[in-house]
Amino acid sequence: MRYFTDGPIYELQKPTVAGRKDPNENNLAGLFLERVFAIAGENSYVAQVLPGVIFNGSFSKDLRLKLLDNAEISALIGFENHGIFDGIENRYNFAVTAFKNSGRTDVFRGIFQQRDVAVLDEWREQAVEIPREVSTEYSPEARIFPFIRSHKESEALSAILSYPSLGDGISDRWNVIPHRGLDRTRDADRFVEDEQVGSFSVYSGKNVHQHVYDDTPEVGAQPFTFWSVEEDVAPAQSAKRRTRERTFNSGDLKKAIYRAFGEPETSKSQKQSIDGLLIEHRGELLGLNDVLLDCTEYRVAYRDIARASDERTMIAAVLPSEVVHHNKLHSLRPYDIRPTESHLAEDPIHGAYKRIFSDEELFVASGLTNSLPFDFLIRTKVDSTVVTYKFTESQVPRLTAGDDWFDYVWRRAARLNCYGEAFAEMRDRLGGLEPAIDTDERRRLRAETDAAAFHAYGLDRKQTKFVLDDFHRMQNPQVMDEDYFDSVLRFYDQLAESGPRS
């Protein structure tokens, strides 16, 4: 494959996604499509049957950009196999596309997840008009095509996509920096399976559920299986020490200091510049203890493993402080590093770490990422894991103090999450918040939060009802039964009358 990814003939097989090269490893359809672009004339019309990965795989990003920027797509009809081709799994996705090999695509007609080729006889009547903006804003990082099935779905998506992606830095709003955590396999020497030996829990994805950080209040989260020891007890066995070492070696603190005080014109290296600054101000070089661990603060975390066929695809909770997690649970960094000159004299330099979220913003972020509108969006992108770039390119209203729905959402998300001794401090910080323990009350608060999220996203009643009706149903749901969906719409209607009260 090196000939195809590094040679002079193929130029669309090694795109950059989330700052990294993502080369085509072995997909011949991607190579064939690029050759078609080269062989067909500018006035030629092309029709092809292509695997679904051409339209939603990260390696095929540049091929999709070529279709949008240098071709005019007239039709894009996607299928789930389900017996169309013998010997191929039913869930296999493929698509029929037709395009002119020149021009630019501003709008095209498409429909996806079809199971009968009879749709090709009347595709003009059944296909949905998909504006270019929906395709580009749906996935600004990887340019994945949304697998839209109806005009109503296109309208609902358009409303959700009108908000900034989570990865867009906004100066006066909270921002997200996902963190992967320790490696479940490579860092196994820092985990113990005996709670009596460990000092604190090591979280995995299965230990959280929506607004739930342990297995006490409701079904969903599972008991812990890993613990670890404190740094001052046994640093060589401590997950916190390994986290501190990894964070220090990543160079984030060094880079932040250099950005703030480095001299681009100097001949000194980054290390020389920082060493000189610290010796001058505090007489000591940068060390491990200058790292302020994320676990010193409460933070949002979400499951890595997720499927569109699950009851809820996005599973997030606010974690207690003083715990760590491995790579099957991703967290949102609680701190940004913004050093000033006065911080250079500190030992350790913890004053340079500034909180990204206020206490209230922490729970509005948890409430919105756990919401039905966000789930409706993210489940269209997820196969089996919530890949970081798919999370950060997804859209969320970045509500903060003074915004409509801010108080309504954070208060309910906080009452759901702030139960137990681990959140006693946070309840005090939030003014003596009363946690929700009763099962019926928790169900009501979740439905109210979902209803408010639809309003926060700006979906009207017709769009909200479409999302609720279209949402994946489980045979034996834990929460998401028909009564739950009905209650969300009922609360939506009530809030439309009352407005964003707290």
Protein backbone atom coordinates (compact mmCIF):
# COMPACT_ATOMS: atom_id res chain seq x y z
CA MET A 1 0.00 0.00 0.00
CA ARG A 2 3.00 2.37 0.31
CA TYR A 3 2.89 2.84 -3.47
CA PHE A 4 -0.69 4.05 -3.24
CA THR A 5 -0.33 6.26 -0.14
CA ASP A 6 3.17 7.68 -0.75
CA GLY A 7 3.56 7.50 -4.54
CA PRO A 8 2.86 10.27 -7.05
CA ILE A 9 -0.23 8.71 -8.69
CA TYR A 10 -2.67 8.64 -5.78
CA GLU A 11 -3.14 11.90 -3.88
CA LEU A 12 -6.39 11.27 -2.01
CA GLN A 13 -5.47 8.23 0.08
CA LYS A 14 -3.79 9.84 3.11
CA PRO A 15 -6.02 12.54 4.61
CA THR A 16 -5.40 14.41 7.84
CA VAL A 17 -8.10 13.77 10.45
CA ALA A 18 -7.90 15.32 13.91
CA GLY A 19 -4.34 16.44 13.21
CA ARG A 20 -3.10 12.98 12.21
CA LYS A 21 -2.53 11.25 8.90
CA ASP A 22 -5.07 8.48 8.37
CA PRO A 23 -3.90 6.49 5.32
CA ASN A 24 -5.95 4.00 3.34
CA GLU A 25 -4.66 0.62 4.50
CA ASN A 26 -6.27 -1.87 2.13
CA ASN A 27 -9.50 -0.52 0.65
CA LEU A 28 -9.36 -1.03 -3.11
CA ALA A 29 -12.63 0.84 -3.67
CA GLY A 30 -10.97 4.04 -2.49
CA LEU A 31 -8.15 3.55 -5.00
CA PHE A 32 -10.59 2.74 -7.78
CA LEU A 33 -12.68 5.86 -7.11
CA GLU A 34 -9.61 8.08 -7.31
CA ARG A 35 -8.64 6.50 -10.63
CA VAL A 36 -12.16 7.15 -11.91
CA PHE A 37 -11.72 10.85 -11.11
CA ALA A 38 -8.52 10.85 -13.16
CA ILE A 39 -9.74 8.75 -16.11
CA ALA A 40 -13.19 10.27 -16.65
CA GLY A 41 -13.34 13.53 -18.57
CA GLU A 42 -14.71 16.79 -17.16
CA ASN A 43 -18.00 16.32 -19.01
CA SER A 44 -18.31 12.65 -18.09
CA TYR A 45 -21.05 11.27 -15.85
CA VAL A 46 -20.12 8.44 -13.51
CA ALA A 47 -22.26 5.90 -11.66
CA GLN A 48 -20.71 3.49 -9.16
CA VAL A 49 -21.61 1.01 -6.47
CA LEU A 50 -19.27 1.73 -3.55
CA PRO A 51 -18.89 0.35 -0.01
CA GLY A 52 -20.39 2.50 2.74
CA VAL A 53 -16.95 3.21 4.21
CA ILE A 54 -16.26 5.53 1.26
CA PHE A 55 -18.93 7.84 2.68
CA ASN A 56 -18.28 7.46 6.41
CA GLY A 57 -14.71 6.19 6.82
CA SER A 58 -11.99 8.53 8.05
CA PHE A 59 -9.45 7.33 5.44
CA SER A 60 -11.79 8.41 2.62
CA LYS A 61 -12.16 12.04 3.76
CA ASP A 62 -10.28 13.48 0.76
CA LEU A 63 -12.38 11.41 -1.66
CA ARG A 64 -15.54 12.93 -0.17
CA LEU A 65 -14.06 16.42 -0.42
CA LYS A 66 -13.28 15.71 -4.08
CA LEU A 67 -16.93 14.75 -4.65
CA LEU A 68 -18.13 17.93 -2.96
CA ASP A 69 -15.58 20.41 -4.33
CA ASN A 70 -14.78 19.07 -7.82
CA ALA A 71 -17.86 17.10 -8.87
CA GLU A 72 -21.63 17.49 -8.99
CA ILE A 73 -23.34 14.66 -7.12
CA SER A 74 -26.81 14.04 -8.49
CA ALA A 75 -27.76 10.91 -6.52
CA LEU A 76 -26.49 9.03 -3.49
CA ILE A 77 -28.60 6.02 -2.47
CA GLY A 78 -27.36 4.01 0.50
CA PHE A 79 -28.32 0.43 1.37
CA GLU A 80 -28.05 -2.09 4.17
CA ASN A 81 -27.45 -5.40 2.45
CA HIS A 82 -30.16 -7.63 3.99
CA GLY A 83 -30.01 -10.24 1.25
CA ILE A 84 -29.39 -7.91 -1.70
CA PHE A 85 -26.00 -9.59 -2.24
CA ASP A 86 -25.64 -13.24 -1.28
CA GLY A 87 -22.81 -14.19 1.05
CA ILE A 88 -22.46 -10.70 2.53
CA GLU A 89 -23.55 -9.85 6.05
CA ASN A 90 -26.96 -8.19 6.37
CA ARG A 91 -25.63 -5.08 8.12
CA TYR A 92 -23.05 -4.35 5.42
CA ASN A 93 -23.51 -0.85 4.00
CA PHE A 94 -23.00 0.17 0.39
CA ALA A 95 -24.24 2.98 -1.84
CA VAL A 96 -25.00 3.79 -5.45
CA THR A 97 -23.74 7.22 -6.45
CA ALA A 98 -23.97 9.20 -9.67
CA PHE A 99 -22.02 12.40 -10.36
CA LYS A 100 -20.64 14.65 -13.06
CA ASN A 101 -16.85 14.69 -12.95
CA SER A 102 -16.54 18.49 -12.69
CA GLY A 103 -18.19 21.45 -11.03
CA ARG A 104 -19.18 21.71 -7.35
CA THR A 105 -21.88 20.07 -5.25
CA ASP A 106 -24.12 22.59 -3.50
CA VAL A 107 -27.05 20.24 -3.02
CA PHE A 108 -27.74 16.61 -3.93
CA ARG A 109 -30.53 14.12 -3.55
CA GLY A 110 -29.90 11.15 -1.31
CA ILE A 111 -31.48 8.57 0.96
CA PHE A 112 -29.80 5.93 3.11
CA GLN A 113 -30.26 2.66 4.99
CA GLN A 114 -32.56 1.24 2.32
CA ARG A 115 -33.10 -2.52 2.19
CA ASP A 116 -34.75 -2.97 -1.20
CA VAL A 117 -33.23 -2.02 -4.57
CA ALA A 118 -36.74 -1.16 -5.78
CA VAL A 119 -36.04 2.32 -4.42
CA LEU A 120 -33.81 2.86 -7.47
CA ASP A 121 -36.90 2.85 -9.71
CA GLU A 122 -38.37 5.84 -7.88
CA TRP A 123 -35.37 7.41 -6.15
CA ARG A 124 -36.23 10.93 -7.32
CA GLU A 125 -39.52 10.77 -5.41
CA GLN A 126 -38.08 9.17 -2.28
CA ALA A 127 -34.68 10.84 -2.01
CA VAL A 128 -34.16 13.85 0.24
CA GLU A 129 -32.60 17.12 -0.87
CA ILE A 130 -29.40 17.40 1.19
CA PRO A 131 -27.68 20.81 1.19
CA ARG A 132 -23.91 20.95 1.10
CA GLU A 133 -23.93 22.69 4.49
CA VAL A 134 -25.53 19.68 6.17
CA SER A 135 -22.78 17.41 4.82
CA THR A 136 -19.95 19.74 5.82
CA GLU A 137 -21.27 20.86 9.22
CA TYR A 138 -22.34 17.36 10.25
CA SER A 139 -18.70 16.30 10.30
CA PRO A 140 -16.36 19.30 10.03
CA GLU A 141 -13.29 17.22 10.90
CA ALA A 142 -13.71 14.04 8.84
CA ARG A 143 -16.40 15.24 6.39
CA ILE A 144 -18.47 12.09 6.94
CA PHE A 145 -21.72 12.11 4.97
CA PRO A 146 -24.82 11.89 7.17
CA PHE A 147 -26.90 8.80 6.41
CA ILE A 148 -30.19 10.68 6.14
CA ARG A 149 -33.38 8.70 5.64
CA SER A 150 -36.06 11.39 5.40
CA HIS A 151 -36.75 15.09 4.96
CA LYS A 152 -37.81 15.33 8.61
CA GLU A 153 -34.48 13.87 9.71
CA SER A 154 -32.64 16.40 7.54
CA GLU A 155 -34.59 19.26 9.16
CA ALA A 156 -33.89 18.02 12.69
CA LEU A 157 -30.20 17.57 11.93
CA SER A 158 -30.00 21.05 10.43
CA ALA A 159 -31.31 22.55 13.67
CA ILE A 160 -28.80 20.62 15.78
CA LEU A 161 -25.91 21.43 13.44
CA SER A 162 -26.48 25.17 13.78
CA TYR A 163 -24.47 25.16 17.03
CA PRO A 164 -20.67 25.14 17.33
CA SER A 165 -18.82 21.84 17.47
CA LEU A 166 -17.46 20.88 20.87
CA GLY A 167 -13.95 21.12 19.45
CA ASP A 168 -14.39 24.78 18.49
CA GLY A 169 -12.64 26.99 21.02
CA ILE A 170 -14.93 29.79 22.23
CA SER A 171 -13.30 32.43 24.40
CA ASP A 172 -16.23 33.27 26.69
CA ARG A 173 -17.63 29.73 27.01
CA TRP A 174 -16.62 26.39 28.45
CA ASN A 175 -14.58 24.21 26.11
CA VAL A 176 -13.75 20.52 26.03
CA ILE A 177 -10.38 18.77 26.05
CA PRO A 178 -10.97 14.98 26.03
CA HIS A 179 -8.49 12.84 27.95
CA ARG A 180 -8.02 9.13 27.33
CA GLY A 181 -6.70 7.91 30.70
CA LEU A 182 -4.31 5.07 31.47
CA ASP A 183 -4.09 2.07 29.17
CA ARG A 184 -6.05 -0.92 30.40
CA THR A 185 -3.31 -3.33 29.26
CA ARG A 186 0.01 -1.46 29.29
CA ASP A 187 -0.65 0.10 32.69
CA ALA A 188 -2.09 -3.02 34.29
CA ASP A 189 0.73 -3.02 36.85
CA ARG A 190 -0.87 0.09 38.41
CA PHE A 191 -4.23 -1.62 39.03
CA VAL A 192 -5.19 -4.06 41.79
CA GLU A 193 -8.30 -6.23 41.97
CA ASP A 194 -8.55 -6.28 45.77
CA GLU A 195 -10.47 -3.33 47.21
CA GLN A 196 -8.76 -3.87 50.57
CA VAL A 197 -5.36 -3.25 48.99
CA GLY A 198 -6.40 -0.23 46.94
CA SER A 199 -6.90 3.31 48.22
CA PHE A 200 -9.16 4.64 45.43
CA SER A 201 -11.23 3.37 42.51
CA VAL A 202 -10.00 3.07 38.93
CA TYR A 203 -12.96 3.76 36.68
CA SER A 204 -13.78 1.93 33.47
CA GLY A 205 -16.69 2.60 31.12
CA LYS A 206 -18.96 0.05 32.75
CA ASN A 207 -18.69 1.81 36.13
CA VAL A 208 -20.76 4.80 34.97
CA HIS A 209 -24.14 5.38 33.43
CA GLN A 210 -26.06 8.53 32.59
CA HIS A 211 -25.74 10.81 35.65
CA VAL A 212 -24.55 7.78 37.66
CA TYR A 213 -21.00 7.29 38.98
CA ASP A 214 -21.52 4.00 40.86
CA ASP A 215 -24.00 1.14 41.09
CA THR A 216 -26.14 2.47 43.96
CA PRO A 217 -29.01 4.66 42.67
CA GLU A 218 -30.31 2.78 39.63
CA VAL A 219 -29.59 0.04 37.10
CA GLY A 220 -26.82 0.76 34.59
CA ALA A 221 -23.43 1.08 36.22
CA GLN A 222 -21.55 -2.02 37.36
CA PRO A 223 -19.42 -2.54 40.50
CA PHE A 224 -15.74 -1.64 40.41
CA THR A 225 -13.15 -4.25 39.50
CA PHE A 226 -9.97 -2.15 39.78
CA TRP A 227 -8.39 0.00 42.44
CA SER A 228 -4.96 1.56 42.96
CA VAL A 229 -2.75 2.99 45.71
CA GLU A 230 -1.75 6.54 46.59
CA GLU A 231 1.51 8.03 45.37
CA ASP A 232 2.93 8.57 48.86
CA VAL A 233 2.30 4.92 49.78
CA ALA A 234 3.79 3.11 46.78
CA PRO A 235 4.66 5.41 43.85
CA ALA A 236 5.84 2.53 41.65
CA GLN A 237 2.40 0.91 41.92
CA SER A 238 0.27 4.06 41.89
CA ALA A 239 -2.03 4.89 38.98
CA LYS A 240 -1.90 8.53 40.03
CA ARG A 241 1.90 8.55 39.79
CA ARG A 242 1.75 6.96 36.33
CA THR A 243 -0.80 9.60 35.30
CA ARG A 244 1.45 12.34 36.66
CA GLU A 245 4.45 10.96 34.76
CA ARG A 246 2.51 10.67 31.50
CA THR A 247 1.14 14.18 31.87
CA PHE A 248 4.56 15.63 32.64
CA ASN A 249 6.16 13.83 29.70
CA SER A 250 3.43 15.08 27.35
CA GLY A 251 4.97 18.52 27.79
CA ASP A 252 1.65 20.39 28.14
CA LEU A 253 2.90 22.49 31.05
CA LYS A 254 6.20 23.22 29.33
CA LYS A 255 4.46 24.24 26.14
CA ALA A 256 2.08 26.54 28.01
CA ILE A 257 4.97 28.30 29.75
CA TYR A 258 6.90 28.60 26.50
CA ARG A 259 3.89 30.02 24.66
CA ALA A 260 3.43 32.61 27.40
CA PHE A 261 7.07 33.60 27.94
CA GLY A 262 9.22 31.98 25.26
CA GLU A 263 11.16 34.11 22.83
CA PRO A 264 10.54 32.96 19.24
CA GLU A 265 13.53 34.95 18.02
CA THR A 266 15.98 33.42 20.47
CA SER A 267 18.43 30.70 19.55
CA LYS A 268 17.62 28.87 22.78
CA SER A 269 15.59 25.67 22.67
CA GLN A 270 12.25 25.36 24.44
CA LYS A 271 13.92 23.47 27.28
CA GLN A 272 16.69 26.05 27.65
CA SER A 273 14.21 28.92 27.69
CA ILE A 274 11.95 27.32 30.31
CA ASP A 275 14.86 26.17 32.48
CA GLY A 276 16.28 29.69 32.44
CA LEU A 277 12.94 31.26 33.41
CA LEU A 278 12.36 28.88 36.31
CA ILE A 279 15.88 29.17 37.70
CA GLU A 280 15.54 32.94 37.55
CA HIS A 281 12.14 33.05 39.30
CA ARG A 282 12.20 30.15 41.76
CA GLY A 283 15.65 28.58 41.58
CA GLU A 284 14.32 25.15 40.58
CA LEU A 285 13.58 23.32 37.33
CA LEU A 286 10.19 21.95 36.33
CA GLY A 287 9.33 18.65 38.04
CA LEU A 288 6.62 16.03 38.45
CA ASN A 289 5.00 17.83 41.38
CA ASP A 290 4.31 20.85 39.17
CA VAL A 291 1.64 18.78 37.44
CA LEU A 292 -1.82 19.33 38.91
CA LEU A 293 -3.72 16.08 38.37
CA ASP A 294 -7.16 16.19 36.79
CA CYS A 295 -8.46 14.03 39.63
CA THR A 296 -8.06 16.90 42.10
CA GLU A 297 -11.36 18.23 40.69
CA TYR A 298 -14.75 16.82 39.69
CA ARG A 299 -14.95 16.19 35.93
CA VAL A 300 -17.25 14.87 33.21
CA ALA A 301 -16.44 11.43 31.80
CA TYR A 302 -18.06 9.37 29.04
CA ARG A 303 -17.92 5.76 27.92
CA ASP A 304 -15.61 4.79 25.09
CA ILE A 305 -17.64 1.75 24.00
CA ALA A 306 -20.99 2.69 22.48
CA ARG A 307 -23.31 1.44 19.76
CA ALA A 308 -26.15 3.02 17.85
CA SER A 309 -28.29 0.02 18.78
CA ASP A 310 -27.86 0.60 22.54
CA GLU A 311 -30.68 2.13 24.57
CA ARG A 312 -28.56 5.26 24.85
CA THR A 313 -25.38 5.67 22.81
CA MET A 314 -23.82 8.52 24.77
CA ILE A 315 -23.24 7.63 28.43
CA ALA A 316 -21.72 10.37 30.59
CA ALA A 317 -21.47 11.23 34.28
CA VAL A 318 -19.58 13.59 36.55
CA LEU A 319 -16.88 11.67 38.45
CA PRO A 320 -15.92 12.27 42.08
CA SER A 321 -12.54 13.82 42.75
CA GLU A 322 -9.51 11.71 43.73
CA VAL A 323 -10.27 8.84 41.35
CA VAL A 324 -8.62 7.90 38.03
CA HIS A 325 -9.84 6.04 34.97
CA HIS A 326 -8.43 3.87 32.22
CA ASN A 327 -8.89 4.22 28.47
CA LYS A 328 -12.39 2.72 28.27
CA LEU A 329 -13.65 5.88 29.92
CA HIS A 330 -12.71 9.31 28.55
CA SER A 331 -12.86 12.43 30.68
CA LEU A 332 -13.05 16.14 29.92
CA ARG A 333 -10.06 17.97 31.33
CA PRO A 334 -11.10 20.23 34.24
CA TYR A 335 -8.13 22.58 33.83
CA ASP A 336 -6.56 24.77 31.19
CA ILE A 337 -2.97 25.93 31.75
CA ARG A 338 -2.60 29.72 31.61
CA PRO A 339 0.59 30.79 33.39
CA THR A 340 1.41 34.36 34.36
CA GLU A 341 4.77 35.69 35.51
CA SER A 342 3.78 35.42 39.17
CA HIS A 343 3.18 31.68 38.74
CA LEU A 344 6.82 31.12 37.75
CA ALA A 345 7.87 31.68 41.35
CA GLU A 346 5.44 29.06 42.69
CA ASP A 347 6.56 25.62 43.79
CA PRO A 348 4.56 23.76 42.63
CA ILE A 349 3.18 25.88 39.76
CA HIS A 350 -0.44 24.94 40.43
CA GLY A 351 -1.70 28.49 40.19
CA ALA A 352 -1.24 28.29 36.41
CA TYR A 353 -4.05 25.71 36.22
CA LYS A 354 -7.40 27.44 35.67
CA ARG A 355 -10.74 25.68 35.82
CA ILE A 356 -12.46 25.30 32.46
CA PHE A 357 -15.92 24.69 33.95
CA SER A 358 -17.71 26.43 36.77
CA ASP A 359 -19.54 24.00 39.06
CA GLU A 360 -22.80 24.75 37.28
CA GLU A 361 -21.27 24.50 33.80
CA LEU A 362 -19.93 21.07 34.69
CA PHE A 363 -23.48 19.79 35.08
CA VAL A 364 -24.91 21.65 32.11
CA ALA A 365 -22.21 19.94 30.01
CA SER A 366 -23.15 16.58 31.50
CA GLY A 367 -26.87 17.24 31.02
CA LEU A 368 -26.55 18.23 27.37
CA THR A 369 -24.14 15.48 26.32
CA ASN A 370 -26.49 12.96 27.97
CA SER A 371 -29.51 14.46 26.22
CA LEU A 372 -31.69 12.92 23.54
CA PRO A 373 -30.84 15.55 20.87
CA PHE A 374 -27.10 14.94 21.30
CA ASP A 375 -27.67 11.19 21.31
CA PHE A 376 -29.71 11.50 18.12
CA LEU A 377 -26.67 13.13 16.50
CA ILE A 378 -23.83 11.03 17.91
CA ARG A 379 -25.50 7.67 17.25
CA THR A 380 -25.47 8.45 13.50
CA LYS A 381 -21.65 8.56 13.69
CA VAL A 382 -20.81 5.71 16.04
CA ASP A 383 -20.11 2.09 15.12
CA SER A 384 -18.73 0.58 18.32
CA THR A 385 -16.75 3.37 20.02
CA VAL A 386 -17.05 7.12 20.56
CA VAL A 387 -13.94 8.14 18.61
CA THR A 388 -12.56 11.39 20.02
CA TYR A 389 -12.83 13.41 16.81
CA LYS A 390 -16.44 12.29 16.33
CA PHE A 391 -17.21 13.57 19.81
CA THR A 392 -15.41 16.90 19.44
CA GLU A 393 -16.87 17.61 15.98
CA SER A 394 -20.41 17.12 17.30
CA GLN A 395 -22.52 20.13 18.22
CA VAL A 396 -23.74 21.23 21.65
CA PRO A 397 -25.21 24.58 22.77
CA ARG A 398 -22.44 25.93 25.04
CA LEU A 399 -24.86 27.26 27.68
CA THR A 400 -23.47 29.37 30.50
CA ALA A 401 -24.82 31.61 33.27
CA GLY A 402 -27.49 33.98 32.00
CA ASP A 403 -28.49 31.85 29.00
CA ASP A 404 -31.98 30.45 28.61
CA TRP A 405 -32.20 26.86 29.89
CA PHE A 406 -28.85 27.03 31.71
CA ASP A 407 -30.25 26.95 35.24
CA TYR A 408 -32.99 24.50 34.31
CA VAL A 409 -30.55 21.95 32.87
CA TRP A 410 -27.70 22.16 35.36
CA ARG A 411 -29.93 21.92 38.42
CA ARG A 412 -31.57 18.73 37.22
CA ALA A 413 -28.35 17.13 36.02
CA ALA A 414 -26.70 18.00 39.33
CA ARG A 415 -29.55 16.56 41.40
CA LEU A 416 -29.25 13.33 39.41
CA ASN A 417 -25.47 13.09 39.79
CA CYS A 418 -24.70 14.59 43.22
CA TYR A 419 -25.80 11.74 45.46
CA GLY A 420 -23.63 9.99 48.04
CA GLU A 421 -20.73 11.01 50.25
CA ALA A 422 -18.40 11.47 47.27
CA PHE A 423 -20.44 14.53 46.23
CA ALA A 424 -21.01 16.09 49.66
CA GLU A 425 -18.51 18.87 48.90
CA MET A 426 -20.09 19.57 45.52
CA ARG A 427 -23.57 19.76 47.06
CA ASP A 428 -22.24 22.40 49.45
CA ARG A 429 -20.57 24.29 46.61
CA LEU A 430 -23.92 24.34 44.81
CA GLY A 431 -25.69 25.89 47.79
CA GLY A 432 -26.89 22.79 49.63
CA LEU A 433 -28.32 20.98 46.60
CA GLU A 434 -30.70 18.13 47.40
CA PRO A 435 -29.83 14.96 45.44
CA ALA A 436 -32.54 12.89 43.76
CA ILE A 437 -32.60 9.32 45.07
CA ASP A 438 -36.16 8.16 44.46
CA THR A 439 -36.47 6.18 41.21
CA ASP A 440 -39.60 7.97 39.99
CA GLU A 441 -38.12 11.38 40.73
CA ARG A 442 -34.91 10.51 38.87
CA ARG A 443 -36.93 9.37 35.87
CA ARG A 444 -38.90 12.64 35.90
CA LEU A 445 -35.74 14.76 36.15
CA ARG A 446 -34.16 12.92 33.24
CA ALA A 447 -37.24 13.48 31.10
CA GLU A 448 -37.37 17.16 32.05
CA THR A 449 -33.69 17.55 31.17
CA ASP A 450 -34.23 15.88 27.80
CA ALA A 451 -37.21 18.15 27.11
CA ALA A 452 -35.22 21.27 28.01
CA ALA A 453 -32.36 20.11 25.78
CA PHE A 454 -34.70 20.08 22.78
CA HIS A 455 -35.57 23.69 23.54
CA ALA A 456 -31.90 24.60 24.07
CA TYR A 457 -31.10 23.14 20.63
CA GLY A 458 -33.93 25.16 19.11
CA LEU A 459 -35.95 22.21 17.80
CA ASP A 460 -39.63 22.98 17.28
CA ARG A 461 -42.36 20.60 18.34
CA LYS A 462 -42.57 18.81 14.98
CA GLN A 463 -38.81 18.21 14.95
CA THR A 464 -38.82 17.12 18.59
CA LYS A 465 -41.61 14.64 17.98
CA PHE A 466 -39.78 13.28 14.95
CA VAL A 467 -36.63 12.61 17.01
CA LEU A 468 -38.67 10.94 19.75
CA ASP A 469 -40.63 8.79 17.28
CA ASP A 470 -37.51 7.91 15.30
CA PHE A 471 -35.35 7.04 18.29
CA HIS A 472 -34.13 3.46 18.52
CA ARG A 473 -36.35 1.25 20.74
CA MET A 474 -35.09 -1.65 22.86
CA GLN A 475 -37.17 -4.74 23.52
CA ASN A 476 -36.66 -4.47 27.30
CA PRO A 477 -35.49 -0.93 28.02
CA GLN A 478 -34.21 0.16 31.42
CA VAL A 479 -35.61 3.69 31.05
CA MET A 480 -36.52 4.47 27.45
CA ASP A 481 -39.97 2.93 27.17
CA GLU A 482 -42.93 4.52 25.41
CA ASP A 483 -44.06 6.23 28.61
CA TYR A 484 -40.67 7.91 28.86
CA PHE A 485 -40.81 9.25 25.29
CA ASP A 486 -44.36 10.47 25.90
CA SER A 487 -43.30 12.24 29.09
CA VAL A 488 -40.45 14.04 27.31
CA LEU A 489 -42.90 15.44 24.74
CA ARG A 490 -45.33 16.39 27.51
CA PHE A 491 -42.61 18.27 29.39
CA TYR A 492 -41.51 19.88 26.13
CA ASP A 493 -45.03 21.26 25.68
CA GLN A 494 -45.16 22.47 29.28
CA LEU A 495 -41.81 24.25 28.91
CA ALA A 496 -42.97 25.84 25.66
CA GLU A 497 -45.68 27.49 27.76
CA SER A 498 -43.68 28.30 30.89
CA GLY A 499 -40.29 29.10 29.40
CA PRO A 500 -36.81 28.39 30.82
CA ARG A 501 -37.62 28.58 34.50
CA SER A 502 -35.22 26.95 36.95
